C-alpha atoms as a PDB file:
ATOM      1  CA  THR A   1     -79.367  90.197 -20.569  1.00  0.00           C
ATOM      2  CA  LEU A   2     -75.793  89.306 -19.751  1.00  0.00           C
ATOM      3  CA  GLY A   3     -75.320  87.498 -23.072  1.00  0.00           C
ATOM      4  CA  LYS A   4     -76.681  90.468 -25.029  1.00  0.00           C
ATOM      5  CA  ALA A   5     -74.383  92.859 -23.187  1.00  0.00           C
ATOM      6  CA  VAL A   6     -71.361  90.635 -23.855  1.00  0.00           C
ATOM      7  CA  ARG A   7     -72.162  90.523 -27.567  1.00  0.00           C
ATOM      8  CA  LEU A   8     -72.627  94.287 -27.714  1.00  0.00           C
ATOM      9  CA  LEU A   9     -69.450  95.069 -25.794  1.00  0.00           C
ATOM     10  CA  THR A  10     -67.344  92.647 -27.819  1.00  0.00           C
ATOM     11  CA  ALA A  11     -68.928  93.290 -31.206  1.00  0.00           C
ATOM     12  CA  ARG A  12     -66.973  94.531 -34.207  1.00  0.00           C
ATOM     13  CA  SER A  13     -68.517  96.726 -36.854  1.00  0.00           C
ATOM     14  CA  ARG A  14     -66.682  97.305 -40.118  1.00  0.00           C
ATOM     15  CA  GLY A  15     -63.405  96.043 -38.701  1.00  0.00           C
ATOM     16  CA  GLY A  16     -63.255  98.038 -35.450  1.00  0.00           C
ATOM     17  CA  PRO A  17     -64.674  98.027 -31.952  1.00  0.00           C
ATOM     18  CA  VAL A  18     -68.091  99.559 -31.361  1.00  0.00           C
ATOM     19  CA  PRO A  19     -67.468 102.946 -29.713  1.00  0.00           C
ATOM     20  CA  LEU A  20     -69.249 103.467 -26.408  1.00  0.00           C
ATOM     21  CA  VAL A  21     -68.901 107.059 -25.214  1.00  0.00           C
ATOM     22  CA  GLY A  22     -70.651 108.732 -22.312  1.00  0.00           C
ATOM     23  CA  LYS A  23     -71.330 112.432 -21.855  1.00  0.00           C
ATOM     24  CA  ALA A  24     -70.884 112.541 -18.098  1.00  0.00           C
ATOM     25  CA  PRO A  25     -68.195 114.896 -16.803  1.00  0.00           C
ATOM     26  CA  TRP A  26     -67.185 112.184 -14.329  1.00  0.00           C
ATOM     27  CA  GLU A  27     -65.660 108.785 -14.943  1.00  0.00           C
ATOM     28  CA  THR A  28     -68.164 106.203 -16.133  1.00  0.00           C
ATOM     29  CA  ARG A  29     -67.942 102.446 -16.370  1.00  0.00           C
ATOM     30  CA  VAL A  30     -69.772  99.859 -18.443  1.00  0.00           C
ATOM     31  CA  ASP A  31     -69.418  96.282 -17.291  1.00  0.00           C
ATOM     32  CA  LEU A  32     -71.254  93.016 -16.930  1.00  0.00           C
ATOM     33  CA  ASP A  33     -71.447  92.924 -13.134  1.00  0.00           C
ATOM     34  CA  LEU A  34     -74.718  93.442 -11.298  1.00  0.00           C
ATOM     35  CA  PRO A  35     -74.719  97.087 -10.142  1.00  0.00           C
ATOM     36  CA  GLU A  36     -74.381  97.831  -6.453  1.00  0.00           C
ATOM     37  CA  LEU A  37     -77.585  98.907  -4.728  1.00  0.00           C
ATOM     38  CA  PRO A  38     -79.481 101.061  -5.254  1.00  0.00           C
ATOM     39  CA  PHE A  39     -79.831 100.729  -9.019  1.00  0.00           C
ATOM     40  CA  THR A  40     -82.433 101.085 -11.745  1.00  0.00           C
ATOM     41  CA  VAL A  41     -83.708  98.400 -14.102  1.00  0.00           C
ATOM     42  CA  ILE A  42     -84.835  99.793 -17.449  1.00  0.00           C
ATOM     43  CA  THR A  43     -87.272  97.634 -19.415  1.00  0.00           C
ATOM     44  CA  ARG A  44     -88.603  98.028 -22.934  1.00  0.00           C
ATOM     45  CA  THR A  45     -92.127  96.835 -22.151  1.00  0.00           C
ATOM     46  CA  ASN A  46     -94.768  96.924 -19.429  1.00  0.00           C
ATOM     47  CA  VAL A  47     -94.533  93.129 -19.232  1.00  0.00           C
ATOM     48  CA  GLY A  48     -90.789  93.453 -18.653  1.00  0.00           C
ATOM     49  CA  ALA A  49     -91.444  95.904 -15.821  1.00  0.00           C
ATOM     50  CA  ILE A  50     -93.911  93.504 -14.172  1.00  0.00           C
ATOM     51  CA  ARG A  51     -91.365  90.664 -14.443  1.00  0.00           C
ATOM     52  CA  ALA A  52     -88.593  92.839 -13.013  1.00  0.00           C
ATOM     53  CA  VAL A  53     -90.690  93.744  -9.962  1.00  0.00           C
ATOM     54  CA  VAL A  54     -91.835  90.163  -9.378  1.00  0.00           C
ATOM     55  CA  LEU A  55     -88.346  88.673  -9.793  1.00  0.00           C
ATOM     56  CA  HIS A  56     -86.478  91.309  -7.778  1.00  0.00           C
ATOM     57  CA  HIS A  57     -88.948  92.277  -5.056  1.00  0.00           C
ATOM     58  CA  ASP A  58     -87.873  89.754  -2.425  1.00  0.00           C
ATOM     59  CA  LEU A  59     -84.229  89.916  -3.492  1.00  0.00           C
ATOM     60  CA  HIS A  60     -84.103  93.603  -2.580  1.00  0.00           C
ATOM     61  CA  GLY A  61     -85.973  93.454   0.688  1.00  0.00           C
ATOM     62  CA  GLY A  62     -89.289  94.552  -0.753  1.00  0.00           C
ATOM     63  CA  ARG A  63     -87.990  98.040  -1.422  1.00  0.00           C
ATOM     64  CA  VAL A  64     -88.933  98.432  -5.084  1.00  0.00           C
ATOM     65  CA  HIS A  65     -90.333 101.507  -6.784  1.00  0.00           C
ATOM     66  CA  VAL A  66     -91.867 101.601 -10.263  1.00  0.00           C
ATOM     67  CA  VAL A  67     -91.228 104.936 -11.965  1.00  0.00           C
ATOM     68  CA  GLY A  68     -94.528 106.535 -12.910  1.00  0.00           C
ATOM     69  CA  GLY A  69     -96.457 104.222 -10.573  1.00  0.00           C
ATOM     70  CA  VAL A  70     -97.944 100.781 -11.030  1.00  0.00           C
ATOM     71  CA  GLU A  71    -101.423 101.642 -12.278  1.00  0.00           C
ATOM     72  CA  GLU A  72    -100.567 101.137 -15.973  1.00  0.00           C
ATOM     73  CA  LEU A  73     -99.149  97.699 -15.148  1.00  0.00           C
ATOM     74  CA  CYS A  74    -102.145  96.848 -12.960  1.00  0.00           C
ATOM     75  CA  TRP A  75    -104.539  97.903 -15.721  1.00  0.00           C
ATOM     76  CA  LEU A  76    -102.809  95.463 -18.095  1.00  0.00           C
ATOM     77  CA  LEU A  77    -102.974  92.640 -15.534  1.00  0.00           C
ATOM     78  CA  GLU A  78    -106.620  93.318 -14.685  1.00  0.00           C
ATOM     79  CA  ASP A  79    -107.547  93.281 -18.362  1.00  0.00           C
ATOM     80  CA  VAL A  80    -105.758  89.936 -18.745  1.00  0.00           C
ATOM     81  CA  GLY A  81    -107.683  88.730 -15.684  1.00  0.00           C
ATOM     82  CA  ALA A  82    -111.003  89.751 -17.246  1.00  0.00           C
ATOM     83  CA  LEU A  83    -110.089  87.879 -20.438  1.00  0.00           C
ATOM     84  CA  LYS A  84    -109.054  84.814 -18.435  1.00  0.00           C
ATOM     85  CA  GLU A  85    -112.353  84.824 -16.534  1.00  0.00           C
ATOM     86  CA  GLY A  86    -114.410  85.578 -19.636  1.00  0.00           C
ATOM     87  CA  GLY A  87    -115.830  88.588 -17.854  1.00  0.00           C
ATOM     88  CA  GLU A  88    -116.683  92.073 -18.990  1.00  0.00           C
ATOM     89  CA  ARG A  89    -113.827  94.421 -19.876  1.00  0.00           C
ATOM     90  CA  PRO A  90    -115.005  97.944 -19.079  1.00  0.00           C
ATOM     91  CA  LYS A  91    -111.749  99.544 -20.247  1.00  0.00           C
ATOM     92  CA  PRO A  92    -109.493  97.299 -22.395  1.00  0.00           C
ATOM     93  CA  HIS A  93    -105.777  98.007 -22.073  1.00  0.00           C
ATOM     94  CA  PRO A  94    -104.256  99.541 -25.255  1.00  0.00           C
ATOM     95  CA  GLU A  95    -101.896  96.573 -25.647  1.00  0.00           C
ATOM     96  CA  LEU A  96    -104.919  94.239 -25.727  1.00  0.00           C
ATOM     97  CA  VAL A  97    -107.572  96.429 -27.357  1.00  0.00           C
ATOM     98  CA  GLY A  98    -108.024  94.130 -30.372  1.00  0.00           C
ATOM     99  CA  VAL A  99    -108.314  90.968 -28.269  1.00  0.00           C
ATOM    100  CA  ARG A 100    -111.836  89.793 -27.408  1.00  0.00           C
ATOM    101  CA  THR A 101    -111.337  86.403 -25.707  1.00  0.00           C
ATOM    102  CA  TRP A 102    -108.768  84.412 -23.748  1.00  0.00           C
ATOM    103  CA  GLU A 103    -108.392  82.110 -26.736  1.00  0.00           C
ATOM    104  CA  GLU A 104    -107.502  85.065 -28.963  1.00  0.00           C
ATOM    105  CA  LEU A 105    -104.949  86.161 -26.372  1.00  0.00           C
ATOM    106  CA  GLU A 106    -103.402  82.682 -26.389  1.00  0.00           C
ATOM    107  CA  GLU A 107    -103.314  82.772 -30.189  1.00  0.00           C
ATOM    108  CA  LEU A 108    -101.641  86.187 -30.095  1.00  0.00           C
ATOM    109  CA  ALA A 109     -99.002  84.769 -27.721  1.00  0.00           C
ATOM    110  CA  GLY A 110     -97.969  82.449 -30.561  1.00  0.00           C
ATOM    111  CA  VAL A 111     -96.739  85.436 -32.591  1.00  0.00           C
ATOM    112  CA  SER A 112     -95.957  88.031 -29.912  1.00  0.00           C
ATOM    113  CA  PRO A 113     -93.042  87.308 -27.566  1.00  0.00           C
ATOM    114  CA  GLN A 114     -94.284  90.004 -25.177  1.00  0.00           C
ATOM    115  CA  ILE A 115     -97.759  88.450 -24.864  1.00  0.00           C
ATOM    116  CA  LYS A 116     -96.175  85.010 -24.538  1.00  0.00           C
ATOM    117  CA  VAL A 117     -94.121  86.248 -21.560  1.00  0.00           C
ATOM    118  CA  LEU A 118     -97.234  87.873 -20.078  1.00  0.00           C
ATOM    119  CA  LEU A 119     -99.191  84.607 -20.255  1.00  0.00           C
ATOM    120  CA  GLU A 120     -96.266  82.683 -18.748  1.00  0.00           C
ATOM    121  CA  LEU A 121     -96.177  85.237 -15.932  1.00  0.00           C
ATOM    122  CA  VAL A 122     -99.865  84.798 -15.075  1.00  0.00           C
ATOM    123  CA  LYS A 123     -99.913  81.015 -15.537  1.00  0.00           C
ATOM    124  CA  GLY A 124    -101.214  79.584 -12.279  1.00  0.00           C
ATOM    125  CA  VAL A 125    -101.544  83.089 -10.801  1.00  0.00           C
ATOM    126  CA  ASP A 126    -104.586  85.308 -10.469  1.00  0.00           C
ATOM    127  CA  PRO A 127    -103.783  88.412 -12.561  1.00  0.00           C
ATOM    128  CA  HIS A 128    -105.972  90.538 -10.246  1.00  0.00           C
ATOM    129  CA  GLY A 129    -103.980  89.249  -7.261  1.00  0.00           C
ATOM    130  CA  LEU A 130    -100.740  90.096  -9.047  1.00  0.00           C
ATOM    131  CA  ALA A 131    -102.050  93.627  -9.682  1.00  0.00           C
ATOM    132  CA  ASP A 132    -102.894  93.963  -5.959  1.00  0.00           C
ATOM    133  CA  TYR A 133     -99.394  92.686  -5.135  1.00  0.00           C
ATOM    134  CA  LEU A 134     -97.834  95.416  -7.317  1.00  0.00           C
ATOM    135  CA  ARG A 135     -99.928  98.079  -5.583  1.00  0.00           C
ATOM    136  CA  ARG A 136     -98.979  96.813  -2.104  1.00  0.00           C
ATOM    137  CA  THR A 137     -95.271  96.544  -2.818  1.00  0.00           C
ATOM    138  CA  GLN A 138     -94.720 100.008  -4.314  1.00  0.00           C
ATOM    139  CA  VAL A 139     -92.518 102.155  -2.032  1.00  0.00           C
ATOM    140  CA  PRO A 140     -91.540 105.820  -2.471  1.00  0.00           C
ATOM    141  CA  ALA A 141     -88.550 106.306  -4.790  1.00  0.00           C
ATOM    142  CA  ASP A 142     -86.308 107.680  -2.032  1.00  0.00           C
ATOM    143  CA  GLU A 143     -86.861 104.509   0.048  1.00  0.00           C
ATOM    144  CA  ALA A 144     -86.280 102.045  -2.792  1.00  0.00           C
ATOM    145  CA  ARG A 145     -83.224  99.856  -3.229  1.00  0.00           C
ATOM    146  CA  LEU A 146     -84.395  99.084  -6.760  1.00  0.00           C
ATOM    147  CA  LEU A 147     -86.180 101.328  -9.232  1.00  0.00           C
ATOM    148  CA  VAL A 148     -87.924  99.830 -12.245  1.00  0.00           C
ATOM    149  CA  SER A 149     -88.723 101.958 -15.264  1.00  0.00           C
ATOM    150  CA  THR A 150     -89.819 101.358 -18.804  1.00  0.00           C
ATOM    151  CA  ALA A 151     -87.599 103.179 -21.295  1.00  0.00           C
ATOM    152  CA  HIS A 152     -90.611 105.353 -22.118  1.00  0.00           C
ATOM    153  CA  LYS A 153     -91.099 106.499 -18.502  1.00  0.00           C
ATOM    154  CA  GLY A 154     -87.351 106.936 -18.067  1.00  0.00           C
ATOM    155  CA  LYS A 155     -86.929 109.487 -20.850  1.00  0.00           C
ATOM    156  CA  GLY A 156     -85.117 112.554 -19.550  1.00  0.00           C
ATOM    157  CA  ARG A 157     -84.220 110.938 -16.215  1.00  0.00           C
ATOM    158  CA  GLU A 158     -80.766 110.001 -15.018  1.00  0.00           C
ATOM    159  CA  TRP A 159     -79.574 107.304 -12.639  1.00  0.00           C
ATOM    160  CA  ASP A 160     -76.098 106.450 -11.418  1.00  0.00           C
ATOM    161  CA  ARG A 161     -76.387 102.677 -11.896  1.00  0.00           C
ATOM    162  CA  VAL A 162     -78.548 101.088 -14.580  1.00  0.00           C
ATOM    163  CA  LEU A 163     -79.260  97.533 -15.679  1.00  0.00           C
ATOM    164  CA  LEU A 164     -80.982  96.927 -19.031  1.00  0.00           C
ATOM    165  CA  TRP A 165     -83.659  94.230 -18.805  1.00  0.00           C
ATOM    166  CA  ASP A 166     -83.764  91.249 -21.152  1.00  0.00           C
ATOM    167  CA  ASP A 167     -86.788  92.438 -23.149  1.00  0.00           C
ATOM    168  CA  PHE A 168     -84.783  94.723 -25.441  1.00  0.00           C
ATOM    169  CA  PRO A 169     -84.360  93.161 -28.902  1.00  0.00           C
ATOM    170  CA  ALA A 170     -80.871  91.958 -29.775  1.00  0.00           C
ATOM    171  CA  TRP A 171     -80.709  94.068 -32.931  1.00  0.00           C
ATOM    172  CA  TRP A 172     -76.966  93.683 -33.156  1.00  0.00           C
ATOM    173  CA  GLU A 173     -76.957  89.879 -33.366  1.00  0.00           C
ATOM    174  CA  GLU A 174     -77.646  89.725 -37.107  1.00  0.00           C
ATOM    175  CA  ARG A 175     -75.482  92.662 -38.192  1.00  0.00           C
ATOM    176  CA  TRP A 176     -72.420  92.325 -36.007  1.00  0.00           C
ATOM    177  CA  THR A 177     -70.117  89.411 -35.369  1.00  0.00           C
ATOM    178  CA  PRO A 178     -68.453  88.898 -31.954  1.00  0.00           C
ATOM    179  CA  PHE A 179     -64.641  88.637 -31.915  1.00  0.00           C
END
């Protein structure tokens, strides 16, 4: 994430700096430091949101809130668990609806970075247990030191301090050249 932010903030497009303008009536700042608590992590994907909770939960004293709740994330994990066990899938998750077996999921991971990260996340871990962990660790938003939101769930919301997660594509890397 830090490397992507550095490239974006130092990029040049058509001979000039990339303009970064906020609409807030107060002074804003964009920098590469970790925001002071509390802050919000915005992810592009559900898998990114799961990773953000798992990686930051203990770091922030267990006070993490997932915007919109954790059920969507748990549904994805439980579906992965059913595939891993070879069991019945009563309600396949939309991200995995075309996958019928664990082997197909592993094959899909070869072409999908998101699925690859998901399989790395559940390697050696019971996906059902991870889903239970997410349910147990969810705290109310006003008690959280860290909020985690997918970009989709964050539409229309505002937070004072935001960190973009590393699952956003680096679309600027091919088009723009750093100084």
